[in-house]
């Protein structure tokens, strides 16, 4: 059991002394869990979560069989990360690469049970103005209306825009409908001089970029 370990070897103590970056993925999760389940230590429980989920992201977003208070702590840690990234995006920094927006969208959309369509509005210098969830659909389809996207972009006074939606199926590959929708949105926005910079598909821990695939 973790409580029988020397204090200097416990993840929480090491996080205090050496910083959280010194901890393994399982140790970080164990700090959030505080205690284990089913007779296991918090660290063993965390290791099992990662092994069962197949990745750190899946372990945190799709954890099953945990008491509600532990699930709430994990969910709160993710929400905190989302808000930190959102705040970072809204500082007005110019986007030199899609990395920051990609990380934010992965955290925001992965694990959702329904399809969600998000717009990130940018000014003429490609500084983030705001992000907005415009449409929410079912597990298999979502209705996105170009007219509403154009209205939203004009309302935000955007000069450029980034789209994102999730695939609850876990497959980060664009469907024919995704490609047709992107072209339709791009054509509609070009009429009001709003440039489409990218369209991301988020599925599990994976993110696909239309721009990187040459699909814009």
N, C-alpha and C. Protein backbone atom coordinates (compact mmCIF):
# COMPACT_ATOMS: atom_id res chain seq x y z
N UNK A 1 0.84 -1.20 0.00
CA UNK A 1 0.00 0.00 0.00
C UNK A 1 0.88 1.25 0.00
N UNK A 2 0.37 2.34 -0.62
CA UNK A 2 1.14 3.56 -0.75
C UNK A 2 1.48 4.17 0.60
N UNK A 3 0.56 4.05 1.57
CA UNK A 3 0.82 4.67 2.86
C UNK A 3 1.98 4.02 3.60
N UNK A 4 2.39 2.82 3.16
CA UNK A 4 3.50 2.13 3.80
C UNK A 4 4.84 2.51 3.15
N UNK A 5 4.81 3.26 2.08
CA UNK A 5 6.04 3.68 1.42
C UNK A 5 6.74 4.74 2.26
N UNK A 6 8.07 4.83 2.16
CA UNK A 6 8.77 5.96 2.77
C UNK A 6 8.23 7.26 2.19
N UNK A 7 8.08 8.27 3.00
CA UNK A 7 7.48 9.53 2.55
C UNK A 7 8.19 10.11 1.34
N UNK A 8 9.51 9.98 1.30
CA UNK A 8 10.28 10.58 0.20
C UNK A 8 10.03 9.92 -1.14
N UNK A 9 9.41 8.71 -1.14
CA UNK A 9 9.12 8.01 -2.38
C UNK A 9 7.68 8.21 -2.85
N UNK A 10 6.87 8.88 -2.03
CA UNK A 10 5.47 9.07 -2.40
C UNK A 10 5.36 10.15 -3.48
N UNK A 11 4.48 9.94 -4.47
CA UNK A 11 4.36 10.90 -5.57
C UNK A 11 4.07 12.33 -5.12
N UNK A 12 3.19 12.50 -4.14
CA UNK A 12 2.86 13.86 -3.70
C UNK A 12 4.08 14.55 -3.12
N UNK A 13 4.84 13.84 -2.29
CA UNK A 13 6.05 14.42 -1.70
C UNK A 13 7.05 14.77 -2.78
N UNK A 14 7.23 13.88 -3.75
CA UNK A 14 8.18 14.14 -4.83
C UNK A 14 7.73 15.31 -5.70
N UNK A 15 6.42 15.45 -5.87
CA UNK A 15 5.91 16.59 -6.64
C UNK A 15 6.23 17.90 -5.93
N UNK A 16 6.14 17.89 -4.61
CA UNK A 16 6.46 19.09 -3.82
C UNK A 16 7.95 19.40 -3.90
N UNK A 17 8.77 18.36 -3.75
CA UNK A 17 10.21 18.56 -3.69
C UNK A 17 10.85 18.79 -5.06
N UNK A 18 10.38 18.07 -6.06
CA UNK A 18 11.05 18.10 -7.38
C UNK A 18 10.20 18.69 -8.50
N UNK A 19 8.94 18.98 -8.19
CA UNK A 19 8.05 19.49 -9.22
C UNK A 19 7.26 18.37 -9.88
N UNK A 20 6.03 18.65 -10.31
CA UNK A 20 5.19 17.60 -10.92
C UNK A 20 5.76 17.04 -12.20
N UNK A 21 6.63 17.80 -12.89
CA UNK A 21 7.22 17.30 -14.13
C UNK A 21 8.14 16.10 -13.89
N UNK A 22 8.53 15.88 -12.63
CA UNK A 22 9.41 14.74 -12.31
C UNK A 22 8.64 13.43 -12.17
N UNK A 23 7.31 13.50 -12.16
CA UNK A 23 6.49 12.31 -11.94
C UNK A 23 6.17 11.61 -13.26
N UNK A 24 5.97 10.30 -13.16
CA UNK A 24 5.50 9.54 -14.32
C UNK A 24 4.02 9.82 -14.52
N UNK A 25 3.48 9.38 -15.66
CA UNK A 25 2.05 9.56 -15.92
C UNK A 25 1.21 8.93 -14.82
N UNK A 26 1.55 7.71 -14.45
CA UNK A 26 0.79 7.01 -13.41
C UNK A 26 0.88 7.74 -12.08
N UNK A 27 2.05 8.27 -11.77
CA UNK A 27 2.20 9.00 -10.50
C UNK A 27 1.37 10.27 -10.49
N UNK A 28 1.29 10.96 -11.61
CA UNK A 28 0.46 12.16 -11.69
C UNK A 28 -1.00 11.82 -11.44
N UNK A 29 -1.48 10.75 -12.08
CA UNK A 29 -2.87 10.34 -11.86
C UNK A 29 -3.09 9.95 -10.41
N UNK A 30 -2.12 9.27 -9.81
CA UNK A 30 -2.28 8.82 -8.42
C UNK A 30 -2.40 10.00 -7.47
N UNK A 31 -1.75 11.12 -7.78
CA UNK A 31 -1.88 12.32 -6.95
C UNK A 31 -3.31 12.82 -6.98
N UNK A 32 -3.94 12.76 -8.16
CA UNK A 32 -5.33 13.19 -8.28
C UNK A 32 -6.28 12.21 -7.60
N UNK A 33 -5.99 10.92 -7.71
CA UNK A 33 -6.86 9.91 -7.11
C UNK A 33 -6.80 9.94 -5.59
N UNK A 34 -5.61 10.21 -5.05
CA UNK A 34 -5.35 10.25 -3.60
C UNK A 34 -5.29 8.87 -2.98
N UNK A 35 -6.31 8.06 -3.24
CA UNK A 35 -6.32 6.69 -2.72
C UNK A 35 -6.69 5.74 -3.84
N UNK A 36 -6.38 4.47 -3.66
CA UNK A 36 -6.68 3.48 -4.67
C UNK A 36 -8.06 2.89 -4.53
N UNK A 37 -8.35 1.89 -5.36
CA UNK A 37 -9.63 1.19 -5.32
C UNK A 37 -9.38 -0.31 -5.35
N UNK A 38 -10.36 -1.05 -4.88
CA UNK A 38 -10.28 -2.51 -4.94
C UNK A 38 -9.07 -3.10 -4.24
N UNK A 39 -8.64 -2.47 -3.16
CA UNK A 39 -7.49 -2.97 -2.41
C UNK A 39 -6.15 -2.60 -3.00
N UNK A 40 -6.15 -1.86 -4.11
CA UNK A 40 -4.90 -1.42 -4.73
C UNK A 40 -4.49 -0.05 -4.20
N UNK A 41 -3.22 0.25 -4.32
CA UNK A 41 -2.76 1.60 -4.01
C UNK A 41 -3.22 2.55 -5.11
N UNK A 42 -3.14 3.84 -4.85
CA UNK A 42 -3.50 4.83 -5.87
C UNK A 42 -2.61 4.68 -7.10
N UNK A 43 -1.34 4.37 -6.88
CA UNK A 43 -0.41 4.22 -8.00
C UNK A 43 -0.74 2.99 -8.83
N UNK A 44 -1.06 1.88 -8.17
CA UNK A 44 -1.42 0.68 -8.92
C UNK A 44 -2.72 0.89 -9.69
N UNK A 45 -3.67 1.59 -9.06
CA UNK A 45 -4.93 1.91 -9.74
C UNK A 45 -4.66 2.75 -10.98
N UNK A 46 -3.77 3.74 -10.85
CA UNK A 46 -3.44 4.61 -11.98
C UNK A 46 -2.77 3.82 -13.10
N UNK A 47 -1.87 2.93 -12.73
CA UNK A 47 -1.20 2.10 -13.75
C UNK A 47 -2.21 1.23 -14.50
N UNK A 48 -3.17 0.68 -13.75
CA UNK A 48 -4.20 -0.15 -14.37
C UNK A 48 -5.05 0.68 -15.32
N UNK A 49 -5.36 1.92 -14.93
CA UNK A 49 -6.16 2.80 -15.79
C UNK A 49 -5.45 3.07 -17.11
N UNK A 50 -4.15 3.32 -17.05
CA UNK A 50 -3.39 3.60 -18.27
C UNK A 50 -3.30 2.35 -19.15
N UNK A 51 -3.07 1.21 -18.51
CA UNK A 51 -2.98 -0.04 -19.27
C UNK A 51 -4.31 -0.37 -19.93
N UNK A 52 -5.38 -0.20 -19.19
CA UNK A 52 -6.71 -0.52 -19.72
C UNK A 52 -7.12 0.46 -20.81
N UNK A 53 -6.81 1.74 -20.61
CA UNK A 53 -7.19 2.75 -21.59
C UNK A 53 -6.32 2.75 -22.82
N UNK A 54 -5.07 2.32 -22.67
CA UNK A 54 -4.15 2.29 -23.80
C UNK A 54 -3.36 3.57 -24.00
N UNK A 55 -3.73 4.62 -23.26
CA UNK A 55 -3.00 5.88 -23.35
C UNK A 55 -3.33 6.71 -22.12
N UNK A 56 -2.52 7.71 -21.86
CA UNK A 56 -2.78 8.61 -20.73
C UNK A 56 -4.10 9.34 -20.94
N UNK A 57 -4.32 9.81 -22.17
CA UNK A 57 -5.53 10.57 -22.45
C UNK A 57 -6.78 9.73 -22.20
N UNK A 58 -6.77 8.51 -22.70
CA UNK A 58 -7.93 7.62 -22.51
C UNK A 58 -8.11 7.28 -21.04
N UNK A 59 -7.01 7.12 -20.32
CA UNK A 59 -7.09 6.79 -18.90
C UNK A 59 -7.83 7.87 -18.13
N UNK A 60 -7.58 9.12 -18.49
CA UNK A 60 -8.18 10.24 -17.76
C UNK A 60 -9.59 10.55 -18.24
N UNK A 61 -9.84 10.43 -19.54
CA UNK A 61 -11.15 10.82 -20.08
C UNK A 61 -12.18 9.70 -20.08
N UNK A 62 -11.73 8.46 -20.06
CA UNK A 62 -12.68 7.35 -20.17
C UNK A 62 -12.55 6.37 -19.00
N UNK A 63 -12.12 6.87 -17.86
CA UNK A 63 -11.96 6.00 -16.69
C UNK A 63 -13.31 5.44 -16.26
N UNK A 64 -13.34 4.15 -15.97
CA UNK A 64 -14.57 3.50 -15.52
C UNK A 64 -14.31 2.80 -14.19
N UNK A 65 -15.39 2.59 -13.44
CA UNK A 65 -15.28 1.85 -12.20
C UNK A 65 -14.69 2.61 -11.04
N UNK A 66 -14.55 3.93 -11.18
CA UNK A 66 -14.01 4.73 -10.09
C UNK A 66 -15.14 5.36 -9.28
N UNK A 67 -14.94 5.58 -7.99
CA UNK A 67 -15.93 6.32 -7.21
C UNK A 67 -16.14 7.71 -7.81
N UNK A 68 -17.32 8.27 -7.60
CA UNK A 68 -17.68 9.53 -8.25
C UNK A 68 -16.75 10.67 -7.88
N UNK A 69 -16.23 10.68 -6.63
CA UNK A 69 -15.36 11.79 -6.25
C UNK A 69 -14.02 11.74 -6.99
N UNK A 70 -13.56 10.54 -7.30
CA UNK A 70 -12.31 10.42 -8.06
C UNK A 70 -12.53 10.82 -9.51
N UNK A 71 -13.65 10.40 -10.07
CA UNK A 71 -13.99 10.80 -11.44
C UNK A 71 -14.11 12.31 -11.53
N UNK A 72 -14.70 12.91 -10.48
CA UNK A 72 -14.87 14.37 -10.47
C UNK A 72 -13.52 15.08 -10.43
N UNK A 73 -12.56 14.54 -9.69
CA UNK A 73 -11.23 15.16 -9.64
C UNK A 73 -10.54 15.10 -11.00
N UNK A 74 -10.65 13.96 -11.67
CA UNK A 74 -10.05 13.83 -13.00
C UNK A 74 -10.71 14.80 -13.99
N UNK A 75 -12.05 14.88 -13.93
CA UNK A 75 -12.77 15.79 -14.83
C UNK A 75 -12.40 17.24 -14.54
N UNK A 76 -12.23 17.57 -13.26
CA UNK A 76 -11.86 18.94 -12.90
C UNK A 76 -10.47 19.29 -13.41
N UNK A 77 -9.55 18.32 -13.36
CA UNK A 77 -8.19 18.58 -13.85
C UNK A 77 -8.20 18.85 -15.35
N UNK A 78 -9.03 18.12 -16.08
CA UNK A 78 -9.14 18.34 -17.53
C UNK A 78 -9.76 19.70 -17.83
N UNK A 79 -10.81 20.04 -17.08
CA UNK A 79 -11.46 21.33 -17.30
C UNK A 79 -10.51 22.48 -16.99
N UNK A 80 -9.70 22.32 -15.95
CA UNK A 80 -8.71 23.34 -15.63
C UNK A 80 -7.72 23.50 -16.78
N UNK A 81 -7.27 22.37 -17.34
CA UNK A 81 -6.34 22.44 -18.47
C UNK A 81 -6.98 23.13 -19.67
N UNK A 82 -8.27 22.83 -19.92
CA UNK A 82 -8.98 23.48 -21.02
C UNK A 82 -9.01 24.99 -20.83
N UNK A 83 -9.32 25.41 -19.60
CA UNK A 83 -9.44 26.84 -19.35
C UNK A 83 -8.10 27.56 -19.44
N UNK A 84 -7.05 26.90 -19.00
CA UNK A 84 -5.71 27.49 -19.12
C UNK A 84 -5.35 27.67 -20.59
N UNK A 85 -5.61 26.64 -21.40
CA UNK A 85 -5.31 26.73 -22.83
C UNK A 85 -6.18 27.77 -23.51
N UNK A 86 -7.46 27.84 -23.12
CA UNK A 86 -8.36 28.84 -23.71
C UNK A 86 -7.86 30.25 -23.37
N UNK A 87 -7.46 30.45 -22.13
CA UNK A 87 -6.93 31.75 -21.73
C UNK A 87 -5.67 32.09 -22.52
N UNK A 88 -4.82 31.07 -22.71
CA UNK A 88 -3.59 31.28 -23.49
C UNK A 88 -3.93 31.67 -24.93
N UNK A 89 -4.93 31.02 -25.49
CA UNK A 89 -5.32 31.34 -26.87
C UNK A 89 -5.85 32.76 -26.98
N UNK A 90 -6.49 33.23 -25.91
CA UNK A 90 -7.13 34.54 -25.96
C UNK A 90 -6.23 35.68 -25.51
N UNK A 91 -4.92 35.43 -25.41
CA UNK A 91 -4.00 36.49 -25.00
C UNK A 91 -3.65 37.42 -26.14
N UNK A 92 -4.07 37.06 -27.35
CA UNK A 92 -3.79 37.92 -28.49
C UNK A 92 -2.52 37.57 -29.22
N UNK A 93 -1.87 36.47 -28.86
CA UNK A 93 -0.65 36.07 -29.55
C UNK A 93 -0.98 35.62 -30.98
N UNK A 94 -0.12 35.95 -31.90
CA UNK A 94 -0.29 35.51 -33.28
C UNK A 94 -0.01 34.02 -33.38
N UNK A 95 -0.81 33.32 -34.15
CA UNK A 95 -0.62 31.88 -34.32
C UNK A 95 0.48 31.62 -35.35
N UNK A 96 1.65 31.24 -34.89
CA UNK A 96 2.73 30.91 -35.81
C UNK A 96 2.62 29.46 -36.28
N UNK A 97 1.87 28.65 -35.55
CA UNK A 97 1.62 27.26 -35.92
C UNK A 97 0.29 26.86 -35.30
N UNK A 98 -0.32 25.77 -35.78
CA UNK A 98 -1.60 25.35 -35.21
C UNK A 98 -1.47 24.58 -33.91
N UNK A 99 -0.28 24.50 -33.33
CA UNK A 99 -0.05 23.63 -32.18
C UNK A 99 -0.92 24.00 -30.98
N UNK A 100 -0.97 25.29 -30.63
CA UNK A 100 -1.73 25.71 -29.44
C UNK A 100 -3.21 25.45 -29.62
N UNK A 101 -3.72 25.79 -30.79
CA UNK A 101 -5.14 25.58 -31.06
C UNK A 101 -5.44 24.08 -31.12
N UNK A 102 -4.54 23.30 -31.66
CA UNK A 102 -4.72 21.85 -31.74
C UNK A 102 -4.84 21.25 -30.34
N UNK A 103 -3.96 21.66 -29.43
CA UNK A 103 -4.00 21.14 -28.07
C UNK A 103 -5.29 21.52 -27.37
N UNK A 104 -5.71 22.76 -27.55
CA UNK A 104 -6.95 23.22 -26.93
C UNK A 104 -8.14 22.43 -27.46
N UNK A 105 -8.21 22.25 -28.76
CA UNK A 105 -9.34 21.55 -29.36
C UNK A 105 -9.35 20.08 -28.99
N UNK A 106 -8.17 19.47 -28.89
CA UNK A 106 -8.11 18.08 -28.46
C UNK A 106 -8.71 17.93 -27.05
N UNK A 107 -8.32 18.81 -26.15
CA UNK A 107 -8.84 18.75 -24.79
C UNK A 107 -10.33 19.06 -24.74
N UNK A 108 -10.76 19.99 -25.59
CA UNK A 108 -12.15 20.42 -25.56
C UNK A 108 -13.11 19.40 -26.14
N UNK A 109 -12.68 18.68 -27.18
CA UNK A 109 -13.61 17.85 -27.93
C UNK A 109 -13.46 16.35 -27.71
N UNK A 110 -12.27 15.91 -27.37
CA UNK A 110 -12.07 14.46 -27.18
C UNK A 110 -12.91 13.96 -26.02
N UNK A 111 -13.48 12.79 -26.19
CA UNK A 111 -14.28 12.20 -25.13
C UNK A 111 -15.74 12.60 -25.15
N UNK A 112 -16.12 13.55 -26.01
CA UNK A 112 -17.54 13.94 -26.11
C UNK A 112 -18.33 12.80 -26.74
N UNK A 113 -19.53 12.56 -26.24
CA UNK A 113 -20.35 11.47 -26.76
C UNK A 113 -21.13 11.90 -28.00
N UNK A 114 -21.30 13.20 -28.19
CA UNK A 114 -22.02 13.71 -29.35
C UNK A 114 -21.07 14.54 -30.20
N UNK A 115 -21.37 14.63 -31.48
CA UNK A 115 -20.55 15.46 -32.35
C UNK A 115 -20.78 16.93 -32.02
N UNK A 116 -19.70 17.67 -31.96
CA UNK A 116 -19.72 19.10 -31.66
C UNK A 116 -18.90 19.82 -32.72
N UNK A 117 -19.42 20.94 -33.20
CA UNK A 117 -18.72 21.74 -34.20
C UNK A 117 -18.32 23.07 -33.58
N UNK A 118 -17.02 23.37 -33.65
CA UNK A 118 -16.46 24.55 -32.99
C UNK A 118 -15.82 25.47 -34.03
N UNK A 119 -15.97 26.77 -33.81
CA UNK A 119 -15.30 27.77 -34.63
C UNK A 119 -14.35 28.58 -33.76
N UNK A 120 -13.14 28.78 -34.24
CA UNK A 120 -12.17 29.66 -33.58
C UNK A 120 -12.00 30.86 -34.50
N UNK A 121 -12.38 32.04 -34.01
CA UNK A 121 -12.33 33.25 -34.82
C UNK A 121 -11.00 33.99 -34.59
N UNK A 122 -10.42 34.48 -35.68
CA UNK A 122 -9.14 35.19 -35.60
C UNK A 122 -9.23 36.52 -36.34
N UNK A 123 -8.37 37.47 -35.92
CA UNK A 123 -8.34 38.76 -36.59
C UNK A 123 -7.39 38.71 -37.79
N UNK A 124 -7.14 39.86 -38.38
CA UNK A 124 -6.32 39.91 -39.60
C UNK A 124 -4.87 39.50 -39.36
N UNK A 125 -4.40 39.60 -38.10
CA UNK A 125 -3.05 39.17 -37.74
C UNK A 125 -3.03 37.73 -37.22
N UNK A 126 -4.16 37.05 -37.37
CA UNK A 126 -4.32 35.66 -36.91
C UNK A 126 -4.17 35.53 -35.40
N UNK A 127 -4.64 36.56 -34.69
CA UNK A 127 -4.74 36.49 -33.24
C UNK A 127 -6.14 36.00 -32.89
N UNK A 128 -6.23 35.13 -31.92
CA UNK A 128 -7.52 34.54 -31.56
C UNK A 128 -8.42 35.59 -30.93
N UNK A 129 -9.62 35.71 -31.45
CA UNK A 129 -10.63 36.59 -30.88
C UNK A 129 -11.44 35.82 -29.83
N UNK A 130 -11.95 34.67 -30.23
CA UNK A 130 -12.70 33.80 -29.32
C UNK A 130 -12.95 32.47 -30.01
N UNK A 131 -13.36 31.50 -29.22
CA UNK A 131 -13.81 30.22 -29.77
C UNK A 131 -15.25 30.01 -29.35
N UNK A 132 -15.99 29.30 -30.18
CA UNK A 132 -17.43 29.15 -29.93
C UNK A 132 -17.91 27.79 -30.43
N UNK A 133 -18.71 27.13 -29.61
CA UNK A 133 -19.37 25.90 -30.02
C UNK A 133 -20.67 26.29 -30.72
N UNK A 134 -20.74 26.04 -32.02
CA UNK A 134 -21.89 26.50 -32.80
C UNK A 134 -22.98 25.45 -32.95
N UNK A 135 -22.58 24.19 -33.15
CA UNK A 135 -23.57 23.15 -33.40
C UNK A 135 -23.24 21.90 -32.61
N UNK A 136 -24.28 21.19 -32.23
CA UNK A 136 -24.12 19.91 -31.55
C UNK A 136 -25.07 18.92 -32.19
N UNK A 137 -24.57 17.73 -32.52
CA UNK A 137 -25.40 16.76 -33.22
C UNK A 137 -25.58 15.47 -32.45
N UNK A 138 -25.87 14.42 -33.17
CA UNK A 138 -26.05 13.10 -32.58
C UNK A 138 -24.73 12.35 -32.64
N UNK A 139 -24.77 11.08 -32.30
CA UNK A 139 -23.55 10.28 -32.34
C UNK A 139 -23.05 10.07 -33.77
N UNK A 140 -23.94 10.20 -34.75
CA UNK A 140 -23.55 9.88 -36.12
C UNK A 140 -23.57 11.07 -37.08
N UNK A 141 -24.24 12.16 -36.71
CA UNK A 141 -24.30 13.27 -37.65
C UNK A 141 -24.53 14.58 -36.92
N UNK A 142 -24.17 15.65 -37.57
CA UNK A 142 -24.42 16.99 -37.03
C UNK A 142 -24.80 17.89 -38.18
N UNK A 143 -25.67 18.83 -37.92
CA UNK A 143 -26.12 19.75 -38.96
C UNK A 143 -25.40 21.08 -38.78
N UNK A 144 -24.61 21.44 -39.76
CA UNK A 144 -23.86 22.69 -39.74
C UNK A 144 -24.34 23.54 -40.91
N UNK A 145 -24.82 24.74 -40.62
CA UNK A 145 -25.40 25.59 -41.64
C UNK A 145 -24.43 26.71 -42.01
N UNK A 146 -23.96 26.75 -43.27
CA UNK A 146 -23.01 27.79 -43.68
C UNK A 146 -23.50 29.20 -43.37
N UNK A 147 -24.79 29.45 -43.55
CA UNK A 147 -25.31 30.79 -43.28
C UNK A 147 -25.07 31.20 -41.83
N UNK A 148 -25.27 30.25 -40.89
CA UNK A 148 -25.07 30.56 -39.48
C UNK A 148 -23.59 30.77 -39.16
N UNK A 149 -22.73 30.01 -39.83
CA UNK A 149 -21.29 30.18 -39.62
C UNK A 149 -20.85 31.55 -40.12
N UNK A 150 -21.34 31.97 -41.27
CA UNK A 150 -21.01 33.29 -41.81
C UNK A 150 -21.48 34.38 -40.86
N UNK A 151 -22.71 34.27 -40.36
CA UNK A 151 -23.24 35.26 -39.43
C UNK A 151 -22.39 35.34 -38.17
N UNK A 152 -21.98 34.18 -37.67
CA UNK A 152 -21.17 34.15 -36.45
C UNK A 152 -19.80 34.78 -36.68
N UNK A 153 -19.19 34.51 -37.83
CA UNK A 153 -17.89 35.08 -38.15
C UNK A 153 -17.96 36.60 -38.28
N UNK A 154 -19.02 37.09 -38.90
CA UNK A 154 -19.20 38.54 -39.03
C UNK A 154 -19.48 39.18 -37.68
N UNK A 155 -20.25 38.50 -36.86
CA UNK A 155 -20.54 39.01 -35.52
C UNK A 155 -19.26 39.15 -34.69
N UNK A 156 -18.33 38.20 -34.89
CA UNK A 156 -17.06 38.25 -34.15
C UNK A 156 -16.05 39.18 -34.82
N UNK A 157 -16.42 39.76 -35.97
CA UNK A 157 -15.52 40.61 -36.74
C UNK A 157 -14.24 39.86 -37.09
N UNK A 158 -14.40 38.61 -37.51
CA UNK A 158 -13.26 37.74 -37.81
C UNK A 158 -12.76 37.97 -39.23
N UNK A 159 -11.44 37.89 -39.38
CA UNK A 159 -10.83 37.93 -40.71
C UNK A 159 -10.43 36.53 -41.16
N UNK A 160 -10.35 35.62 -40.19
CA UNK A 160 -9.99 34.23 -40.48
C UNK A 160 -10.69 33.33 -39.48
N UNK A 161 -10.72 32.05 -39.79
CA UNK A 161 -11.47 31.12 -38.94
C UNK A 161 -10.83 29.73 -39.01
N UNK A 162 -10.92 29.02 -37.91
CA UNK A 162 -10.51 27.62 -37.84
C UNK A 162 -11.71 26.82 -37.37
N UNK A 163 -12.01 25.73 -38.07
CA UNK A 163 -13.10 24.84 -37.69
C UNK A 163 -12.55 23.62 -36.95
N UNK A 164 -13.40 23.01 -36.16
CA UNK A 164 -13.06 21.73 -35.55
C UNK A 164 -14.33 20.99 -35.20
N UNK A 165 -14.30 19.69 -35.36
CA UNK A 165 -15.39 18.87 -34.84
C UNK A 165 -14.81 17.53 -34.43
N UNK A 166 -15.55 16.82 -33.63
CA UNK A 166 -15.07 15.54 -33.10
C UNK A 166 -15.75 14.37 -33.79
N UNK A 167 -15.07 13.23 -33.78
CA UNK A 167 -15.63 11.96 -34.24
C UNK A 167 -15.72 11.04 -33.02
N UNK A 168 -16.90 10.91 -32.43
CA UNK A 168 -17.04 10.03 -31.26
C UNK A 168 -16.65 8.59 -31.56
N UNK A 169 -16.63 8.22 -32.83
CA UNK A 169 -16.24 6.86 -33.21
C UNK A 169 -14.78 6.57 -32.87
N UNK A 170 -13.99 7.63 -32.71
CA UNK A 170 -12.57 7.45 -32.40
C UNK A 170 -11.68 7.38 -33.62
N UNK A 171 -12.26 7.55 -34.82
CA UNK A 171 -11.48 7.49 -36.07
C UNK A 171 -11.27 8.90 -36.60
N UNK A 172 -10.03 9.35 -36.60
CA UNK A 172 -9.72 10.72 -37.03
C UNK A 172 -9.46 10.78 -38.53
N UNK A 173 -10.45 10.39 -39.30
CA UNK A 173 -10.35 10.45 -40.76
C UNK A 173 -11.55 11.22 -41.30
N UNK A 174 -11.33 12.11 -42.26
CA UNK A 174 -12.45 12.89 -42.79
C UNK A 174 -13.35 12.04 -43.69
N UNK A 175 -14.64 12.19 -43.51
CA UNK A 175 -15.58 11.53 -44.40
C UNK A 175 -15.80 12.41 -45.62
N UNK A 176 -16.47 11.85 -46.62
CA UNK A 176 -16.79 12.65 -47.81
C UNK A 176 -17.66 13.83 -47.42
N UNK A 177 -18.57 13.60 -46.46
CA UNK A 177 -19.44 14.68 -45.99
C UNK A 177 -18.62 15.79 -45.32
N UNK A 178 -17.59 15.40 -44.56
CA UNK A 178 -16.72 16.39 -43.92
C UNK A 178 -16.03 17.27 -44.96
N UNK A 179 -15.54 16.64 -46.02
CA UNK A 179 -14.84 17.39 -47.06
C UNK A 179 -15.79 18.31 -47.82
N UNK A 180 -17.00 17.82 -48.10
CA UNK A 180 -17.98 18.65 -48.80
C UNK A 180 -18.40 19.83 -47.94
N UNK A 181 -18.60 19.58 -46.64
CA UNK A 181 -18.97 20.66 -45.73
C UNK A 181 -17.88 21.72 -45.67
N UNK A 182 -16.64 21.29 -45.59
CA UNK A 182 -15.53 22.23 -45.50
C UNK A 182 -15.46 23.11 -46.74
N UNK A 183 -15.64 22.50 -47.90
CA UNK A 183 -15.62 23.29 -49.14
C UNK A 183 -16.78 24.27 -49.18
N UNK A 184 -17.95 23.82 -48.72
CA UNK A 184 -19.13 24.69 -48.71
C UNK A 184 -18.92 25.88 -47.78
N UNK A 185 -18.36 25.62 -46.60
CA UNK A 185 -18.10 26.70 -45.64
C UNK A 185 -17.04 27.66 -46.18
N UNK A 186 -16.01 27.10 -46.79
CA UNK A 186 -14.94 27.94 -47.34
C UNK A 186 -15.48 28.85 -48.44
N UNK A 187 -16.32 28.31 -49.31
CA UNK A 187 -16.91 29.10 -50.39
C UNK A 187 -17.80 30.21 -49.83
N UNK A 188 -18.62 29.87 -48.83
CA UNK A 188 -19.53 30.85 -48.25
C UNK A 188 -18.76 31.98 -47.56
N UNK A 189 -17.72 31.62 -46.83
CA UNK A 189 -16.95 32.63 -46.09
C UNK A 189 -16.10 33.49 -47.01
N UNK A 190 -15.70 32.94 -48.15
CA UNK A 190 -14.90 33.73 -49.10
C UNK A 190 -15.70 34.92 -49.63
N UNK A 191 -17.02 34.80 -49.65
CA UNK A 191 -17.87 35.89 -50.13
C UNK A 191 -17.84 37.09 -49.21
N UNK A 192 -17.47 36.87 -47.94
CA UNK A 192 -17.38 37.98 -46.98
C UNK A 192 -15.93 38.19 -46.53
N UNK A 193 -14.99 37.68 -47.32
CA UNK A 193 -13.55 37.89 -47.08
C UNK A 193 -13.07 37.33 -45.75
N UNK A 194 -13.58 36.19 -45.35
CA UNK A 194 -13.09 35.50 -44.16
C UNK A 194 -12.36 34.25 -44.64
N UNK A 195 -11.10 34.13 -44.27
CA UNK A 195 -10.26 33.03 -44.75
C UNK A 195 -10.34 31.83 -43.80
N UNK A 196 -10.52 30.65 -44.36
CA UNK A 196 -10.52 29.41 -43.58
C UNK A 196 -9.07 28.92 -43.49
N UNK A 197 -8.53 28.87 -42.27
CA UNK A 197 -7.14 28.46 -42.07
C UNK A 197 -6.98 26.96 -41.92
N UNK A 198 -7.97 26.32 -41.29
CA UNK A 198 -7.84 24.87 -41.06
C UNK A 198 -9.17 24.32 -40.58
N UNK A 199 -9.27 23.03 -40.65
CA UNK A 199 -10.40 22.28 -40.09
C UNK A 199 -9.79 21.05 -39.42
N UNK A 200 -9.99 20.95 -38.12
CA UNK A 200 -9.44 19.83 -37.35
C UNK A 200 -10.54 18.81 -37.06
N UNK A 201 -10.19 17.54 -37.16
CA UNK A 201 -11.05 16.47 -36.68
C UNK A 201 -10.38 15.85 -35.46
N UNK A 202 -11.11 15.83 -34.35
CA UNK A 202 -10.59 15.28 -33.10
C UNK A 202 -11.26 13.94 -32.84
N UNK A 203 -10.45 12.92 -32.62
CA UNK A 203 -10.98 11.58 -32.32
C UNK A 203 -10.06 10.92 -31.31
N UNK A 204 -10.56 10.71 -30.10
CA UNK A 204 -9.70 10.18 -29.05
C UNK A 204 -8.55 11.14 -28.81
N UNK A 205 -7.33 10.63 -28.81
CA UNK A 205 -6.16 11.50 -28.62
C UNK A 205 -5.59 11.97 -29.95
N UNK A 206 -6.23 11.57 -31.06
CA UNK A 206 -5.74 11.95 -32.38
C UNK A 206 -6.41 13.20 -32.91
N UNK A 207 -5.65 13.98 -33.68
CA UNK A 207 -6.18 15.19 -34.32
C UNK A 207 -5.70 15.21 -35.77
N UNK A 208 -6.63 15.35 -36.70
CA UNK A 208 -6.29 15.45 -38.12
C UNK A 208 -6.48 16.88 -38.59
N UNK A 209 -5.52 17.40 -39.33
CA UNK A 209 -5.58 18.75 -39.88
C UNK A 209 -5.86 18.69 -41.37
N UNK A 210 -6.94 19.35 -41.80
CA UNK A 210 -7.25 19.42 -43.23
C UNK A 210 -6.14 20.15 -43.98
N UNK A 211 -5.60 21.21 -43.37
CA UNK A 211 -4.55 21.99 -44.04
C UNK A 211 -3.31 21.13 -44.27
N UNK A 212 -2.93 20.35 -43.26
CA UNK A 212 -1.74 19.51 -43.39
C UNK A 212 -1.96 18.39 -44.40
N UNK A 213 -3.21 17.97 -44.56
CA UNK A 213 -3.53 16.92 -45.54
C UNK A 213 -3.75 17.48 -46.95
N UNK A 214 -3.70 18.80 -47.09
CA UNK A 214 -3.94 19.41 -48.40
C UNK A 214 -5.39 19.37 -48.81
N UNK A 215 -6.31 19.39 -47.84
CA UNK A 215 -7.73 19.27 -48.13
C UNK A 215 -8.46 20.61 -48.11
N UNK A 216 -7.72 21.70 -47.95
CA UNK A 216 -8.35 23.02 -47.98
C UNK A 216 -8.14 23.68 -49.35
